[in-house]
Amino acid sequence: VFACMLVRMMLFSEARFQFRRLKDGRPGEL
């Protein structure tokens, strides 16, 4: 359980927050 949670935490924590522009309902630049 510890190993599975550790991998999930390490991978999940690598992302960063940005805003994503929407144009005609389609995703655009960050």
Full PDB file with SEQRES, HELIX, SHEET, SSBOND, CRYST1, ORIGX, SCALE, CONECT and MASTER records, all heavy atoms in Angstrom:
SEQRES   1 A   30  VAL PHE ALA CYS MET LEU VAL ARG MET MET LEU PHE SER          
SEQRES   2 A   30  GLU ALA ARG PHE GLN PHE ARG ARG LEU LYS ASP GLY ARG          
SEQRES   3 A   30  PRO GLY GLU LEU                                              
HELIX    1 AA1 PHE A    2  PHE A   12  1                                  11    
SHEET    1 AA1 2 LEU A  22  LYS A  23  0                                        
SHEET    2 AA1 2 ARG A  26  PRO A  27 -1                                        
CRYST1    1.000    1.000    1.000  90.00  90.00  90.00 P 1           1          
ORIGX1      1.000000  0.000000  0.000000        0.00000                         
ORIGX2      0.000000  1.000000  0.000000        0.00000                         
ORIGX3      0.000000  0.000000  1.000000        0.00000                         
SCALE1      1.000000  0.000000  0.000000        0.00000                         
SCALE2      0.000000  1.000000  0.000000        0.00000                         
SCALE3      0.000000  0.000000  1.000000        0.00000                         
ATOM      1  N   VAL A   1       0.839  -1.201   0.000  1.00  0.00           N  
ATOM      2  CA  VAL A   1       0.000   0.000   0.000  1.00  0.00           C  
ATOM      3  C   VAL A   1       0.874   1.250   0.000  1.00  0.00           C  
ATOM      4  O   VAL A   1       0.620   2.209  -0.745  1.00  0.00           O  
ATOM      5  CB  VAL A   1      -0.945  -0.002   1.221  1.00  0.00           C  
ATOM      6  CG1 VAL A   1      -1.674   1.332   1.337  1.00  0.00           C  
ATOM      7  CG2 VAL A   1      -1.945  -1.139   1.112  1.00  0.00           C  
ATOM      8  N   PHE A   2       1.900   1.248   0.828  1.00  0.00           N  
ATOM      9  CA  PHE A   2       2.801   2.405   0.886  1.00  0.00           C  
ATOM     10  C   PHE A   2       3.450   2.655  -0.469  1.00  0.00           C  
ATOM     11  O   PHE A   2       3.544   3.794  -0.932  1.00  0.00           O  
ATOM     12  CB  PHE A   2       3.865   2.178   1.954  1.00  0.00           C  
ATOM     13  CG  PHE A   2       4.885   3.283   2.040  1.00  0.00           C  
ATOM     14  CD1 PHE A   2       4.618   4.434   2.765  1.00  0.00           C  
ATOM     15  CD2 PHE A   2       6.102   3.187   1.370  1.00  0.00           C  
ATOM     16  CE1 PHE A   2       5.550   5.469   2.830  1.00  0.00           C  
ATOM     17  CE2 PHE A   2       7.041   4.204   1.424  1.00  0.00           C  
ATOM     18  CZ  PHE A   2       6.757   5.348   2.155  1.00  0.00           C  
ATOM     19  N   ALA A   3       3.920   1.583  -1.139  1.00  0.00           N  
ATOM     20  CA  ALA A   3       4.594   1.739  -2.428  1.00  0.00           C  
ATOM     21  C   ALA A   3       3.645   2.286  -3.485  1.00  0.00           C  
ATOM     22  O   ALA A   3       4.007   3.174  -4.260  1.00  0.00           O  
ATOM     23  CB  ALA A   3       5.169   0.397  -2.873  1.00  0.00           C  
ATOM     24  N   CYS A   4       2.416   1.768  -3.521  1.00  0.00           N  
ATOM     25  CA  CYS A   4       1.435   2.240  -4.504  1.00  0.00           C  
ATOM     26  C   CYS A   4       1.089   3.705  -4.258  1.00  0.00           C  
ATOM     27  O   CYS A   4       1.021   4.512  -5.204  1.00  0.00           O  
ATOM     28  CB  CYS A   4       0.170   1.388  -4.447  1.00  0.00           C  
ATOM     29  SG  CYS A   4       0.378  -0.311  -5.041  1.00  0.00           S  
ATOM     30  N   MET A   5       0.865   4.071  -3.011  1.00  0.00           N  
ATOM     31  CA  MET A   5       0.543   5.455  -2.688  1.00  0.00           C  
ATOM     32  C   MET A   5       1.728   6.373  -2.962  1.00  0.00           C  
ATOM     33  O   MET A   5       1.547   7.521  -3.415  1.00  0.00           O  
ATOM     34  CB  MET A   5       0.104   5.567  -1.225  1.00  0.00           C  
ATOM     35  CG  MET A   5      -1.281   5.012  -0.948  1.00  0.00           C  
ATOM     36  SD  MET A   5      -1.814   5.303   0.764  1.00  0.00           S  
ATOM     37  CE  MET A   5      -1.679   7.083   0.878  1.00  0.00           C  
ATOM     38  N   LEU A   6       2.935   5.897  -2.705  1.00  0.00           N  
ATOM     39  CA  LEU A   6       4.119   6.723  -2.940  1.00  0.00           C  
ATOM     40  C   LEU A   6       4.259   7.053  -4.426  1.00  0.00           C  
ATOM     41  O   LEU A   6       4.528   8.206  -4.796  1.00  0.00           O  
ATOM     42  CB  LEU A   6       5.365   5.997  -2.442  1.00  0.00           C  
ATOM     43  CG  LEU A   6       6.680   6.769  -2.582  1.00  0.00           C  
ATOM     44  CD1 LEU A   6       6.655   8.025  -1.727  1.00  0.00           C  
ATOM     45  CD2 LEU A   6       7.870   5.880  -2.199  1.00  0.00           C  
ATOM     46  N   VAL A   7       4.048   6.052  -5.287  1.00  0.00           N  
ATOM     47  CA  VAL A   7       4.139   6.295  -6.730  1.00  0.00           C  
ATOM     48  C   VAL A   7       3.057   7.268  -7.172  1.00  0.00           C  
ATOM     49  O   VAL A   7       3.307   8.193  -7.959  1.00  0.00           O  
ATOM     50  CB  VAL A   7       4.032   4.968  -7.500  1.00  0.00           C  
ATOM     51  CG1 VAL A   7       3.879   5.221  -8.998  1.00  0.00           C  
ATOM     52  CG2 VAL A   7       5.267   4.107  -7.246  1.00  0.00           C  
ATOM     53  N   ARG A   8       1.833   7.076  -6.673  1.00  0.00           N  
ATOM     54  CA  ARG A   8       0.743   7.986  -7.025  1.00  0.00           C  
ATOM     55  C   ARG A   8       1.065   9.419  -6.599  1.00  0.00           C  
ATOM     56  O   ARG A   8       0.861  10.377  -7.358  1.00  0.00           O  
ATOM     57  CB  ARG A   8      -0.557   7.521  -6.359  1.00  0.00           C  
ATOM     58  CG  ARG A   8      -1.209   6.320  -7.013  1.00  0.00           C  
ATOM     59  CD  ARG A   8      -2.327   5.748  -6.150  1.00  0.00           C  
ATOM     60  NE  ARG A   8      -3.388   6.715  -5.897  1.00  0.00           N  
ATOM     61  CZ  ARG A   8      -4.465   6.865  -6.666  1.00  0.00           C  
ATOM     62  NH1 ARG A   8      -4.621   6.131  -7.752  1.00  0.00           N  
ATOM     63  NH2 ARG A   8      -5.406   7.739  -6.344  1.00  0.00           N  
ATOM     64  N   MET A   9       1.578   9.589  -5.382  1.00  0.00           N  
ATOM     65  CA  MET A   9       1.903  10.924  -4.888  1.00  0.00           C  
ATOM     66  C   MET A   9       3.029  11.565  -5.690  1.00  0.00           C  
ATOM     67  O   MET A   9       2.954  12.737  -6.050  1.00  0.00           O  
ATOM     68  CB  MET A   9       2.279  10.863  -3.402  1.00  0.00           C  
ATOM     69  CG  MET A   9       1.112  10.641  -2.475  1.00  0.00           C  
ATOM     70  SD  MET A   9       1.573  10.815  -0.728  1.00  0.00           S  
ATOM     71  CE  MET A   9       2.691   9.431  -0.516  1.00  0.00           C  
ATOM     72  N   MET A  10       4.087  10.791  -5.976  1.00  0.00           N  
ATOM     73  CA  MET A  10       5.239  11.349  -6.671  1.00  0.00           C  
ATOM     74  C   MET A  10       4.877  11.784  -8.089  1.00  0.00           C  
ATOM     75  O   MET A  10       5.313  12.843  -8.557  1.00  0.00           O  
ATOM     76  CB  MET A  10       6.372  10.326  -6.709  1.00  0.00           C  
ATOM     77  CG  MET A  10       6.977   9.978  -5.352  1.00  0.00           C  
ATOM     78  SD  MET A  10       7.697  11.407  -4.477  1.00  0.00           S  
ATOM     79  CE  MET A  10       6.365  11.826  -3.334  1.00  0.00           C  
ATOM     80  N   LEU A  11       4.083  10.986  -8.795  1.00  0.00           N  
ATOM     81  CA  LEU A  11       3.695  11.337 -10.165  1.00  0.00           C  
ATOM     82  C   LEU A  11       2.683  12.472 -10.178  1.00  0.00           C  
ATOM     83  O   LEU A  11       2.787  13.411 -10.975  1.00  0.00           O  
ATOM     84  CB  LEU A  11       3.120  10.106 -10.873  1.00  0.00           C  
ATOM     85  CG  LEU A  11       4.097   8.947 -11.101  1.00  0.00           C  
ATOM     86  CD1 LEU A  11       3.378   7.779 -11.767  1.00  0.00           C  
ATOM     87  CD2 LEU A  11       5.283   9.387 -11.937  1.00  0.00           C  
ATOM     88  N   PHE A  12       1.704  12.406  -9.298  1.00  0.00           N  
ATOM     89  CA  PHE A  12       0.649  13.420  -9.246  1.00  0.00           C  
ATOM     90  C   PHE A  12       1.220  14.788  -8.901  1.00  0.00           C  
ATOM     91  O   PHE A  12       0.774  15.821  -9.427  1.00  0.00           O  
ATOM     92  CB  PHE A  12      -0.393  12.997  -8.216  1.00  0.00           C  
ATOM     93  CG  PHE A  12      -1.588  13.897  -8.121  1.00  0.00           C  
ATOM     94  CD1 PHE A  12      -2.601  13.840  -9.055  1.00  0.00           C  
ATOM     95  CD2 PHE A  12      -1.709  14.816  -7.081  1.00  0.00           C  
ATOM     96  CE1 PHE A  12      -3.707  14.673  -8.975  1.00  0.00           C  
ATOM     97  CE2 PHE A  12      -2.808  15.649  -6.984  1.00  0.00           C  
ATOM     98  CZ  PHE A  12      -3.811  15.571  -7.937  1.00  0.00           C  
ATOM     99  N   SER A  13       2.227  14.819  -8.027  1.00  0.00           N  
ATOM    100  CA  SER A  13       2.774  16.101  -7.542  1.00  0.00           C  
ATOM    101  C   SER A  13       3.659  16.801  -8.559  1.00  0.00           C  
ATOM    102  O   SER A  13       4.089  17.933  -8.328  1.00  0.00           O  
ATOM    103  CB  SER A  13       3.560  15.880  -6.249  1.00  0.00           C  
ATOM    104  OG  SER A  13       4.699  15.065  -6.479  1.00  0.00           O  
ATOM    105  N   GLU A  14       3.952  16.157  -9.700  1.00  0.00           N  
ATOM    106  CA  GLU A  14       4.825  16.759 -10.697  1.00  0.00           C  
ATOM    107  C   GLU A  14       4.107  17.801 -11.561  1.00  0.00           C  
ATOM    108  O   GLU A  14       4.760  18.603 -12.231  1.00  0.00           O  
ATOM    109  CB  GLU A  14       5.400  15.666 -11.613  1.00  0.00           C  
ATOM    110  CG  GLU A  14       6.498  14.840 -10.976  1.00  0.00           C  
ATOM    111  CD  GLU A  14       7.736  15.684 -10.690  1.00  0.00           C  
ATOM    112  OE1 GLU A  14       8.412  16.095 -11.639  1.00  0.00           O  
ATOM    113  OE2 GLU A  14       7.992  15.952  -9.491  1.00  0.00           O  
ATOM    114  N   ALA A  15       2.794  17.798 -11.573  1.00  0.00           N  
ATOM    115  CA  ALA A  15       2.043  18.741 -12.403  1.00  0.00           C  
ATOM    116  C   ALA A  15       2.085  20.143 -11.794  1.00  0.00           C  
ATOM    117  O   ALA A  15       2.366  20.324 -10.600  1.00  0.00           O  
ATOM    118  CB  ALA A  15       0.598  18.278 -12.557  1.00  0.00           C  
ATOM    119  N   ARG A  16       1.826  21.147 -12.633  1.00  0.00           N  
ATOM    120  CA  ARG A  16       1.713  22.529 -12.183  1.00  0.00           C  
ATOM    121  C   ARG A  16       0.384  23.099 -12.652  1.00  0.00           C  
ATOM    122  O   ARG A  16      -0.251  22.581 -13.560  1.00  0.00           O  
ATOM    123  CB  ARG A  16       2.863  23.378 -12.751  1.00  0.00           C  
ATOM    124  CG  ARG A  16       4.224  22.977 -12.233  1.00  0.00           C  
ATOM    125  CD  ARG A  16       5.323  23.905 -12.733  1.00  0.00           C  
ATOM    126  NE  ARG A  16       5.461  23.842 -14.185  1.00  0.00           N  
ATOM    127  CZ  ARG A  16       5.253  24.864 -14.994  1.00  0.00           C  
ATOM    128  NH1 ARG A  16       4.855  26.040 -14.501  1.00  0.00           N  
ATOM    129  NH2 ARG A  16       5.420  24.750 -16.290  1.00  0.00           N  
ATOM    130  N   PHE A  17      -0.045  24.164 -12.002  1.00  0.00           N  
ATOM    131  CA  PHE A  17      -1.302  24.823 -12.368  1.00  0.00           C  
ATOM    132  C   PHE A  17      -1.047  25.898 -13.418  1.00  0.00           C  
ATOM    133  O   PHE A  17      -0.044  26.611 -13.369  1.00  0.00           O  
ATOM    134  CB  PHE A  17      -1.958  25.457 -11.140  1.00  0.00           C  
ATOM    135  CG  PHE A  17      -2.583  24.477 -10.196  1.00  0.00           C  
ATOM    136  CD1 PHE A  17      -1.893  24.037  -9.071  1.00  0.00           C  
ATOM    137  CD2 PHE A  17      -3.863  23.997 -10.430  1.00  0.00           C  
ATOM    138  CE1 PHE A  17      -2.462  23.146  -8.190  1.00  0.00           C  
ATOM    139  CE2 PHE A  17      -4.442  23.090  -9.548  1.00  0.00           C  
ATOM    140  CZ  PHE A  17      -3.743  22.665  -8.435  1.00  0.00           C  
ATOM    141  N   GLN A  18      -1.965  25.999 -14.373  1.00  0.00           N  
ATOM    142  CA  GLN A  18      -1.956  27.057 -15.370  1.00  0.00           C  
ATOM    143  C   GLN A  18      -3.419  27.379 -15.714  1.00  0.00           C  
ATOM    144  O   GLN A  18      -4.329  26.635 -15.343  1.00  0.00           O  
ATOM    145  CB  GLN A  18      -1.228  26.614 -16.647  1.00  0.00           C  
ATOM    146  CG  GLN A  18       0.290  26.508 -16.490  1.00  0.00           C  
ATOM    147  CD  GLN A  18       0.990  27.840 -16.641  1.00  0.00           C  
ATOM    148  OE1 GLN A  18       1.326  28.269 -17.731  1.00  0.00           O  
ATOM    149  NE2 GLN A  18       1.206  28.520 -15.516  1.00  0.00           N  
ATOM    150  N   PHE A  19      -3.623  28.475 -16.403  1.00  0.00           N  
ATOM    151  CA  PHE A  19      -4.934  28.750 -16.983  1.00  0.00           C  
ATOM    152  C   PHE A  19      -4.908  28.277 -18.432  1.00  0.00           C  
ATOM    153  O   PHE A  19      -3.877  28.361 -19.111  1.00  0.00           O  
ATOM    154  CB  PHE A  19      -5.258  30.242 -16.924  1.00  0.00           C  
ATOM    155  CG  PHE A  19      -5.502  30.751 -15.535  1.00  0.00           C  
ATOM    156  CD1 PHE A  19      -4.688  31.740 -14.981  1.00  0.00           C  
ATOM    157  CD2 PHE A  19      -6.528  30.240 -14.757  1.00  0.00           C  
ATOM    158  CE1 PHE A  19      -4.897  32.208 -13.705  1.00  0.00           C  
ATOM    159  CE2 PHE A  19      -6.743  30.697 -13.469  1.00  0.00           C  
ATOM    160  CZ  PHE A  19      -5.930  31.681 -12.940  1.00  0.00           C  
ATOM    161  N   ARG A  20      -6.043  27.773 -18.898  1.00  0.00           N  
ATOM    162  CA  ARG A  20      -6.147  27.331 -20.285  1.00  0.00           C  
ATOM    163  C   ARG A  20      -7.194  28.171 -21.003  1.00  0.00           C  
ATOM    164  O   ARG A  20      -8.347  28.232 -20.572  1.00  0.00           O  
ATOM    165  CB  ARG A  20      -6.522  25.844 -20.363  1.00  0.00           C  
ATOM    166  CG  ARG A  20      -6.524  25.296 -21.770  1.00  0.00           C  
ATOM    167  CD  ARG A  20      -6.676  23.796 -21.789  1.00  0.00           C  
ATOM    168  NE  ARG A  20      -8.011  23.355 -21.403  1.00  0.00           N  
ATOM    169  CZ  ARG A  20      -8.452  22.100 -21.513  1.00  0.00           C  
ATOM    170  NH1 ARG A  20      -7.642  21.155 -21.967  1.00  0.00           N  
ATOM    171  NH2 ARG A  20      -9.678  21.774 -21.146  1.00  0.00           N  
ATOM    172  N   ARG A  21      -6.775  28.797 -22.085  1.00  0.00           N  
ATOM    173  CA  ARG A  21      -7.683  29.653 -22.845  1.00  0.00           C  
ATOM    174  C   ARG A  21      -8.651  28.795 -23.656  1.00  0.00           C  
ATOM    175  O   ARG A  21      -8.265  27.758 -24.208  1.00  0.00           O  
ATOM    176  CB  ARG A  21      -6.886  30.576 -23.771  1.00  0.00           C  
ATOM    177  CG  ARG A  21      -7.641  31.832 -24.173  1.00  0.00           C  
ATOM    178  CD  ARG A  21      -6.763  32.734 -25.033  1.00  0.00           C  
ATOM    179  NE  ARG A  21      -5.496  33.078 -24.404  1.00  0.00           N  
ATOM    180  CZ  ARG A  21      -5.370  34.018 -23.473  1.00  0.00           C  
ATOM    181  NH1 ARG A  21      -6.434  34.686 -23.054  1.00  0.00           N  
ATOM    182  NH2 ARG A  21      -4.185  34.284 -22.951  1.00  0.00           N  
ATOM    183  N   LEU A  22      -9.903  29.227 -23.712  1.00  0.00           N  
ATOM    184  CA  LEU A  22     -10.932  28.534 -24.480  1.00  0.00           C  
ATOM    185  C   LEU A  22     -11.342  29.397 -25.662  1.00  0.00           C  
ATOM    186  O   LEU A  22     -11.655  30.578 -25.498  1.00  0.00           O  
ATOM    187  CB  LEU A  22     -12.152  28.220 -23.609  1.00  0.00           C  
ATOM    188  CG  LEU A  22     -11.905  27.309 -22.404  1.00  0.00           C  
ATOM    189  CD1 LEU A  22     -13.161  27.184 -21.564  1.00  0.00           C  
ATOM    190  CD2 LEU A  22     -11.429  25.936 -22.852  1.00  0.00           C  
ATOM    191  N   LYS A  23     -11.337  28.815 -26.852  1.00  0.00           N  
ATOM    192  CA  LYS A  23     -11.697  29.531 -28.062  1.00  0.00           C  
ATOM    193  C   LYS A  23     -12.731  28.715 -28.822  1.00  0.00           C  
ATOM    194  O   LYS A  23     -12.448  27.603 -29.261  1.00  0.00           O  
ATOM    195  CB  LYS A  23     -10.462  29.768 -28.939  1.00  0.00           C  
ATOM    196  CG  LYS A  23     -10.747  30.567 -30.196  1.00  0.00           C  
ATOM    197  CD  LYS A  23      -9.470  30.783 -30.999  1.00  0.00           C  
ATOM    198  CE  LYS A  23      -9.739  31.583 -32.258  1.00  0.00           C  
ATOM    199  NZ  LYS A  23      -8.498  31.772 -33.058  1.00  0.00           N  
ATOM    200  N   ASP A  24     -13.938  29.262 -28.939  1.00  0.00           N  
ATOM    201  CA  ASP A  24     -15.044  28.560 -29.582  1.00  0.00           C  
ATOM    202  C   ASP A  24     -15.286  27.194 -28.940  1.00  0.00           C  
ATOM    203  O   ASP A  24     -15.595  26.208 -29.615  1.00  0.00           O  
ATOM    204  CB  ASP A  24     -14.767  28.376 -31.082  1.00  0.00           C  
ATOM    205  CG  ASP A  24     -14.651  29.706 -31.813  1.00  0.00           C  
ATOM    206  OD1 ASP A  24     -15.315  30.670 -31.383  1.00  0.00           O  
ATOM    207  OD2 ASP A  24     -13.891  29.774 -32.806  1.00  0.00           O  
ATOM    208  N   GLY A  25     -15.136  27.148 -27.614  1.00  0.00           N  
ATOM    209  CA  GLY A  25     -15.364  25.902 -26.895  1.00  0.00           C  
ATOM    210  C   GLY A  25     -14.226  24.914 -26.966  1.00  0.00           C  
ATOM    211  O   GLY A  25     -14.309  23.829 -26.370  1.00  0.00           O  
ATOM    212  N   ARG A  26     -13.162  25.236 -27.661  1.00  0.00           N  
ATOM    213  CA  ARG A  26     -12.011  24.355 -27.804  1.00  0.00           C  
ATOM    214  C   ARG A  26     -10.856  24.851 -26.946  1.00  0.00           C  
ATOM    215  O   ARG A  26     -10.646  26.057 -26.810  1.00  0.00           O  
ATOM    216  CB  ARG A  26     -11.558  24.294 -29.269  1.00  0.00           C  
ATOM    217  CG  ARG A  26     -12.571  23.677 -30.215  1.00  0.00           C  
ATOM    218  CD  ARG A  26     -12.599  22.175 -30.080  1.00  0.00           C  
ATOM    219  NE  ARG A  26     -11.296  21.590 -30.368  1.00  0.00           N  
ATOM    220  CZ  ARG A  26     -10.993  20.300 -30.189  1.00  0.00           C  
ATOM    221  NH1 ARG A  26     -11.900  19.485 -29.686  1.00  0.00           N  
ATOM    222  NH2 ARG A  26      -9.800  19.848 -30.485  1.00  0.00           N  
ATOM    223  N   PRO A  27     -10.078  23.924 -26.341  1.00  0.00           N  
ATOM    224  CA  PRO A  27      -8.948  24.341 -25.504  1.00  0.00           C  
ATOM    225  C   PRO A  27      -7.844  24.965 -26.325  1.00  0.00           C  
ATOM    226  O   PRO A  27      -7.572  24.544 -27.459  1.00  0.00           O  
ATOM    227  CB  PRO A  27      -8.488  23.027 -24.852  1.00  0.00           C  
ATOM    228  CG  PRO A  27      -8.969  21.958 -25.768  1.00  0.00           C  
ATOM    229  CD  PRO A  27     -10.251  22.458 -26.352  1.00  0.00           C  
ATOM    230  N   GLY A  28      -7.211  25.992 -25.762  1.00  0.00           N  
ATOM    231  CA  GLY A  28      -6.130  26.687 -26.443  1.00  0.00           C  
ATOM    232  C   GLY A  28      -4.866  26.699 -25.630  1.00  0.00           C  
ATOM    233  O   GLY A  28      -4.556  25.738 -24.912  1.00  0.00           O  
ATOM    234  N   GLU A  29      -4.152  27.804 -25.675  1.00  0.00           N  
ATOM    235  CA  GLU A  29      -2.842  27.913 -25.040  1.00  0.00           C  
ATOM    236  C   GLU A  29      -2.950  27.969 -23.519  1.00  0.00           C  
ATOM    237  O   GLU A  29      -3.963  28.363 -22.949  1.00  0.00           O  
ATOM    238  CB  GLU A  29      -2.135  29.167 -25.542  1.00  0.00           C  
ATOM    239  CG  GLU A  29      -2.870  30.452 -25.165  1.00  0.00           C  
ATOM    240  CD  GLU A  29      -2.097  31.691 -25.563  1.00  0.00           C  
ATOM    241  OE1 GLU A  29      -0.884  31.583 -25.756  1.00  0.00           O  
ATOM    242  OE2 GLU A  29      -2.715  32.763 -25.665  1.00  0.00           O  
ATOM    243  N   LEU A  30      -1.861  27.554 -22.858  1.00  0.00           N  
ATOM    244  CA  LEU A  30      -1.740  27.656 -21.406  1.00  0.00           C  
ATOM    245  C   LEU A  30      -0.999  28.948 -21.064  1.00  0.00           C  
ATOM    246  O   LEU A  30      -0.052  29.335 -21.745  1.00  0.00           O  
ATOM    247  CB  LEU A  30      -0.978  26.458 -20.847  1.00  0.00           C  
ATOM    248  CG  LEU A  30      -1.611  25.076 -21.036  1.00  0.00           C  
ATOM    249  CD1 LEU A  30      -0.665  23.991 -20.535  1.00  0.00           C  
ATOM    250  CD2 LEU A  30      -2.950  24.979 -20.319  1.00  0.00           C  
TER     251      LEU A  30                                                      
MASTER        0    0    0    1    2    0    0    6  250    1    0    3          
END                                                                             
